[in-house]
Amino acid sequence: MYLCGLSAQFTVLLTIGFISLAHNNAASYATGSFLLLFTLCYDIAVGTVAYSIVTEIPSSRLRTKTTVLARAFYNCQGLINGVITPYMLNPGKWNWSGKAGFFWAGTSFLCLTWVYFRLPEPKGRTYGELDILFEQKVSARKFAKAKVDPFNISYPMSEFVDVEEKRE
């Protein structure tokens, strides 16, 4: 769902960039329409699914820290966007207008590439199964098809040795 939403956003942003090459009134209306479509793609897929991904994917031990870091980076990215977007659109500054769609399509393509190769599919997996798959270093592309038996896993004995026994 996340991958499809990101793909749709990439396509819409690229379309906005190409539409902006035509300088007429119809192109402005088309750009506005595609921006609404972009918002729809974000609200249906990327924006909503991101919250569940941030809380489901990290290991059980690091879930809280990962969620805090993700939120902090999200806020930093929002600040950066809030600063550079007015410069992109302002006719007195960079004056990119709809051509800013090319820039954002580029960043969207980078995110799309990362998601395709690095974001595992957690559908139908418990937190324990996800932890085991990460521990066994299963490729993100193979998460959906990997077979996991959480009750038949052999852990190294070092995990069960008491800390006091190690010191002796």
C-alpha atoms as a PDB file:
ATOM      1  CA  MET A   1       0.000   0.000   0.000  1.00  0.00           C
ATOM      2  CA  TYR A   2       2.832   2.385   0.902  1.00  0.00           C
ATOM      3  CA  LEU A   3       4.752   1.497  -2.247  1.00  0.00           C
ATOM      4  CA  CYS A   4       1.689   2.031  -4.458  1.00  0.00           C
ATOM      5  CA  GLY A   5       0.902   5.372  -2.837  1.00  0.00           C
ATOM      6  CA  LEU A   6       4.488   6.543  -3.248  1.00  0.00           C
ATOM      7  CA  SER A   7       4.468   5.433  -6.885  1.00  0.00           C
ATOM      8  CA  ALA A   8       1.267   7.362  -7.506  1.00  0.00           C
ATOM      9  CA  GLN A   9       2.730  10.452  -5.848  1.00  0.00           C
ATOM     10  CA  PHE A  10       5.871  10.201  -7.970  1.00  0.00           C
ATOM     11  CA  THR A  11       3.786   9.978 -11.132  1.00  0.00           C
ATOM     12  CA  VAL A  12       1.571  12.914 -10.141  1.00  0.00           C
ATOM     13  CA  LEU A  13       4.567  15.107  -9.240  1.00  0.00           C
ATOM     14  CA  LEU A  14       6.260  14.304 -12.534  1.00  0.00           C
ATOM     15  CA  THR A  15       3.031  15.143 -14.369  1.00  0.00           C
ATOM     16  CA  ILE A  16       2.804  18.473 -12.527  1.00  0.00           C
ATOM     17  CA  GLY A  17       6.362  19.267 -13.609  1.00  0.00           C
ATOM     18  CA  PHE A  18       5.615  18.547 -17.262  1.00  0.00           C
ATOM     19  CA  ILE A  19       2.319  20.448 -17.182  1.00  0.00           C
ATOM     20  CA  SER A  20       4.157  23.502 -15.859  1.00  0.00           C
ATOM     21  CA  LEU A  21       6.225  23.644 -19.055  1.00  0.00           C
ATOM     22  CA  ALA A  22       3.094  24.934 -20.823  1.00  0.00           C
ATOM     23  CA  HIS A  23       2.457  28.509 -19.740  1.00  0.00           C
ATOM     24  CA  ASN A  24      -1.283  29.018 -20.077  1.00  0.00           C
ATOM     25  CA  ASN A  25      -4.447  29.199 -18.005  1.00  0.00           C
ATOM     26  CA  ALA A  26      -5.453  25.572 -18.654  1.00  0.00           C
ATOM     27  CA  ALA A  27      -2.082  24.368 -17.335  1.00  0.00           C
ATOM     28  CA  SER A  28      -2.727  26.227 -14.074  1.00  0.00           C
ATOM     29  CA  TYR A  29      -6.079  24.490 -13.639  1.00  0.00           C
ATOM     30  CA  ALA A  30      -4.537  21.127 -14.485  1.00  0.00           C
ATOM     31  CA  THR A  31      -1.757  21.710 -11.939  1.00  0.00           C
ATOM     32  CA  GLY A  32      -4.341  22.522  -9.278  1.00  0.00           C
ATOM     33  CA  SER A  33      -6.283  19.370 -10.116  1.00  0.00           C
ATOM     34  CA  PHE A  34      -3.166  17.220  -9.938  1.00  0.00           C
ATOM     35  CA  LEU A  35      -2.226  18.764  -6.595  1.00  0.00           C
ATOM     36  CA  LEU A  36      -5.611  17.606  -5.286  1.00  0.00           C
ATOM     37  CA  LEU A  37      -4.873  14.138  -6.671  1.00  0.00           C
ATOM     38  CA  PHE A  38      -1.454  14.238  -4.962  1.00  0.00           C
ATOM     39  CA  THR A  39      -3.129  15.077  -1.647  1.00  0.00           C
ATOM     40  CA  LEU A  40      -5.581  12.211  -2.138  1.00  0.00           C
ATOM     41  CA  CYS A  41      -2.717   9.747  -2.760  1.00  0.00           C
ATOM     42  CA  TYR A  42      -0.907  11.011   0.326  1.00  0.00           C
ATOM     43  CA  ASP A  43      -3.957  10.915   2.586  1.00  0.00           C
ATOM     44  CA  ILE A  44      -5.108   7.465   1.465  1.00  0.00           C
ATOM     45  CA  ALA A  45      -1.798   5.624   1.436  1.00  0.00           C
ATOM     46  CA  VAL A  46       1.484   7.256   2.386  1.00  0.00           C
ATOM     47  CA  GLY A  47       0.407   9.589   5.173  1.00  0.00           C
ATOM     48  CA  THR A  48      -1.755   7.119   7.062  1.00  0.00           C
ATOM     49  CA  VAL A  49       0.313   3.976   6.566  1.00  0.00           C
ATOM     50  CA  ALA A  50       3.490   5.718   7.739  1.00  0.00           C
ATOM     51  CA  TYR A  51       2.172   5.836  11.314  1.00  0.00           C
ATOM     52  CA  SER A  52       1.649   2.082  11.443  1.00  0.00           C
ATOM     53  CA  ILE A  53       4.986   1.354   9.747  1.00  0.00           C
ATOM     54  CA  VAL A  54       6.889   3.434  12.292  1.00  0.00           C
ATOM     55  CA  THR A  55       5.327   1.499  15.167  1.00  0.00           C
ATOM     56  CA  GLU A  56       5.292  -2.023  13.664  1.00  0.00           C
ATOM     57  CA  ILE A  57       8.677  -2.411  11.969  1.00  0.00           C
ATOM     58  CA  PRO A  58      11.203  -1.633  14.761  1.00  0.00           C
ATOM     59  CA  SER A  59      12.297  -4.344  17.131  1.00  0.00           C
ATOM     60  CA  SER A  60      10.420  -4.599  20.412  1.00  0.00           C
ATOM     61  CA  ARG A  61      13.363  -3.263  22.395  1.00  0.00           C
ATOM     62  CA  LEU A  62      13.856  -0.193  20.180  1.00  0.00           C
ATOM     63  CA  ARG A  63      10.254   0.623  19.289  1.00  0.00           C
ATOM     64  CA  THR A  64       9.895   3.662  21.561  1.00  0.00           C
ATOM     65  CA  LYS A  65      13.251   5.163  20.579  1.00  0.00           C
ATOM     66  CA  THR A  66      12.582   4.565  16.889  1.00  0.00           C
ATOM     67  CA  THR A  67       9.177   6.223  17.114  1.00  0.00           C
ATOM     68  CA  VAL A  68      10.679   9.279  18.817  1.00  0.00           C
ATOM     69  CA  LEU A  69      13.467   9.532  16.223  1.00  0.00           C
ATOM     70  CA  ALA A  70      11.009   9.141  13.347  1.00  0.00           C
ATOM     71  CA  ARG A  71       8.819  11.910  14.733  1.00  0.00           C
ATOM     72  CA  ALA A  72      11.837  14.192  15.269  1.00  0.00           C
ATOM     73  CA  PHE A  73      13.018  13.658  11.680  1.00  0.00           C
ATOM     74  CA  TYR A  74       9.477  14.229  10.414  1.00  0.00           C
ATOM     75  CA  ASN A  75       9.357  17.575  12.233  1.00  0.00           C
ATOM     76  CA  CYS A  76      12.804  18.579  10.888  1.00  0.00           C
ATOM     77  CA  GLN A  77      11.739  17.670   7.360  1.00  0.00           C
ATOM     78  CA  GLY A  78       8.567  19.725   7.834  1.00  0.00           C
ATOM     79  CA  LEU A  79      10.648  22.741   8.848  1.00  0.00           C
ATOM     80  CA  ILE A  80      12.905  22.373   5.812  1.00  0.00           C
ATOM     81  CA  ASN A  81       9.868  22.059   3.500  1.00  0.00           C
ATOM     82  CA  GLY A  82       8.259  25.072   5.132  1.00  0.00           C
ATOM     83  CA  VAL A  83      11.341  27.153   4.371  1.00  0.00           C
ATOM     84  CA  ILE A  84      12.236  26.073   0.825  1.00  0.00           C
ATOM     85  CA  THR A  85       8.768  25.640  -0.705  1.00  0.00           C
ATOM     86  CA  PRO A  86       7.877  29.371  -0.582  1.00  0.00           C
ATOM     87  CA  TYR A  87      11.206  30.142  -2.298  1.00  0.00           C
ATOM     88  CA  MET A  88      10.402  27.599  -5.030  1.00  0.00           C
ATOM     89  CA  LEU A  89       6.958  29.039  -5.724  1.00  0.00           C
ATOM     90  CA  ASN A  90       7.593  32.780  -5.201  1.00  0.00           C
ATOM     91  CA  PRO A  91       7.951  34.651  -8.530  1.00  0.00           C
ATOM     92  CA  GLY A  92      10.356  37.098  -6.844  1.00  0.00           C
ATOM     93  CA  LYS A  93      12.705  34.364  -5.596  1.00  0.00           C
ATOM     94  CA  TRP A  94      13.432  31.072  -7.391  1.00  0.00           C
ATOM     95  CA  ASN A  95      10.232  31.219  -9.496  1.00  0.00           C
ATOM     96  CA  TRP A  96      10.054  27.481 -10.169  1.00  0.00           C
ATOM     97  CA  SER A  97       6.234  27.448 -10.034  1.00  0.00           C
ATOM     98  CA  GLY A  98       5.035  24.000 -11.163  1.00  0.00           C
ATOM     99  CA  LYS A  99       8.564  22.947 -12.066  1.00  0.00           C
ATOM    100  CA  ALA A 100       9.036  22.329  -8.347  1.00  0.00           C
ATOM    101  CA  GLY A 101       7.179  19.096  -9.162  1.00  0.00           C
ATOM    102  CA  PHE A 102      10.397  17.838 -10.776  1.00  0.00           C
ATOM    103  CA  PHE A 103      12.344  18.463  -7.562  1.00  0.00           C
ATOM    104  CA  TRP A 104       9.755  16.762  -5.381  1.00  0.00           C
ATOM    105  CA  ALA A 105       9.423  13.906  -7.886  1.00  0.00           C
ATOM    106  CA  GLY A 106      13.179  13.381  -7.515  1.00  0.00           C
ATOM    107  CA  THR A 107      12.955  13.163  -3.739  1.00  0.00           C
ATOM    108  CA  SER A 108       9.911  10.933  -4.110  1.00  0.00           C
ATOM    109  CA  PHE A 109      11.875   8.638  -6.441  1.00  0.00           C
ATOM    110  CA  LEU A 110      14.665   8.347  -3.857  1.00  0.00           C
ATOM    111  CA  CYS A 111      12.104   7.403  -1.198  1.00  0.00           C
ATOM    112  CA  LEU A 112      10.430   4.994  -3.616  1.00  0.00           C
ATOM    113  CA  THR A 113      13.737   3.259  -4.318  1.00  0.00           C
ATOM    114  CA  TRP A 114      14.494   2.948  -0.596  1.00  0.00           C
ATOM    115  CA  VAL A 115      11.016   1.605   0.172  1.00  0.00           C
ATOM    116  CA  TYR A 116      11.210  -1.001  -2.588  1.00  0.00           C
ATOM    117  CA  PHE A 117      14.547  -2.428  -1.484  1.00  0.00           C
ATOM    118  CA  ARG A 118      14.606  -1.807   2.273  1.00  0.00           C
ATOM    119  CA  LEU A 119      11.075  -1.660   3.750  1.00  0.00           C
ATOM    120  CA  PRO A 120       9.840  -5.133   4.736  1.00  0.00           C
ATOM    121  CA  GLU A 121       6.220  -6.230   4.442  1.00  0.00           C
ATOM    122  CA  PRO A 122       4.826  -6.744   7.980  1.00  0.00           C
ATOM    123  CA  LYS A 123       1.370  -7.943   6.845  1.00  0.00           C
ATOM    124  CA  GLY A 124       0.209 -10.892   8.919  1.00  0.00           C
ATOM    125  CA  ARG A 125       3.336 -10.932  11.107  1.00  0.00           C
ATOM    126  CA  THR A 126       3.482 -10.651  14.873  1.00  0.00           C
ATOM    127  CA  TYR A 127       6.066  -8.486  16.602  1.00  0.00           C
ATOM    128  CA  GLY A 128       7.917 -11.626  17.634  1.00  0.00           C
ATOM    129  CA  GLU A 129       8.072 -12.924  14.063  1.00  0.00           C
ATOM    130  CA  LEU A 130       9.357  -9.560  12.833  1.00  0.00           C
ATOM    131  CA  ASP A 131      12.069  -9.618  15.508  1.00  0.00           C
ATOM    132  CA  ILE A 132      13.119 -13.127  14.437  1.00  0.00           C
ATOM    133  CA  LEU A 133      13.228 -12.158  10.747  1.00  0.00           C
ATOM    134  CA  PHE A 134      15.400  -9.139  11.527  1.00  0.00           C
ATOM    135  CA  GLU A 135      17.647 -11.226  13.783  1.00  0.00           C
ATOM    136  CA  GLN A 136      18.108 -13.788  11.007  1.00  0.00           C
ATOM    137  CA  LYS A 137      18.926 -10.919   8.594  1.00  0.00           C
ATOM    138  CA  VAL A 138      16.204 -11.853   6.113  1.00  0.00           C
ATOM    139  CA  SER A 139      16.130  -9.507   3.113  1.00  0.00           C
ATOM    140  CA  ALA A 140      13.289  -6.985   3.151  1.00  0.00           C
ATOM    141  CA  ARG A 141      12.066  -8.299  -0.205  1.00  0.00           C
ATOM    142  CA  LYS A 142      11.724 -11.820   1.287  1.00  0.00           C
ATOM    143  CA  PHE A 143       9.809 -10.913   4.477  1.00  0.00           C
ATOM    144  CA  ALA A 144       6.403 -11.684   2.997  1.00  0.00           C
ATOM    145  CA  LYS A 145       7.326 -15.233   1.922  1.00  0.00           C
ATOM    146  CA  ALA A 146       9.709 -16.210   4.738  1.00  0.00           C
ATOM    147  CA  LYS A 147       8.486 -18.995   7.008  1.00  0.00           C
ATOM    148  CA  VAL A 148       8.904 -18.378  10.728  1.00  0.00           C
ATOM    149  CA  ASP A 149       8.203 -20.716  13.614  1.00  0.00           C
ATOM    150  CA  PRO A 150       8.624 -18.588  16.748  1.00  0.00           C
ATOM    151  CA  PHE A 151       8.401 -21.675  18.974  1.00  0.00           C
ATOM    152  CA  ASN A 152      11.154 -23.617  17.225  1.00  0.00           C
ATOM    153  CA  ILE A 153      14.034 -21.136  17.216  1.00  0.00           C
ATOM    154  CA  SER A 154      17.422 -22.006  18.606  1.00  0.00           C
ATOM    155  CA  TYR A 155      18.962 -19.003  20.306  1.00  0.00           C
ATOM    156  CA  PRO A 156      22.622 -18.782  21.282  1.00  0.00           C
ATOM    157  CA  MET A 157      23.124 -19.793  24.882  1.00  0.00           C
ATOM    158  CA  SER A 158      24.864 -16.489  25.589  1.00  0.00           C
ATOM    159  CA  GLU A 159      21.465 -14.814  25.718  1.00  0.00           C
ATOM    160  CA  PHE A 160      20.394 -17.002  28.621  1.00  0.00           C
ATOM    161  CA  VAL A 161      23.570 -16.786  30.684  1.00  0.00           C
ATOM    162  CA  ASP A 162      23.194 -14.599  33.740  1.00  0.00           C
ATOM    163  CA  VAL A 163      25.249 -11.405  33.762  1.00  0.00           C
ATOM    164  CA  GLU A 164      26.780 -12.315  37.135  1.00  0.00           C
ATOM    165  CA  GLU A 165      27.997 -15.661  35.744  1.00  0.00           C
ATOM    166  CA  LYS A 166      29.804 -13.878  32.887  1.00  0.00           C
ATOM    167  CA  ARG A 167      31.769 -11.732  35.343  1.00  0.00           C
ATOM    168  CA  GLU A 168      33.165 -14.719  37.233  1.00  0.00           C
END
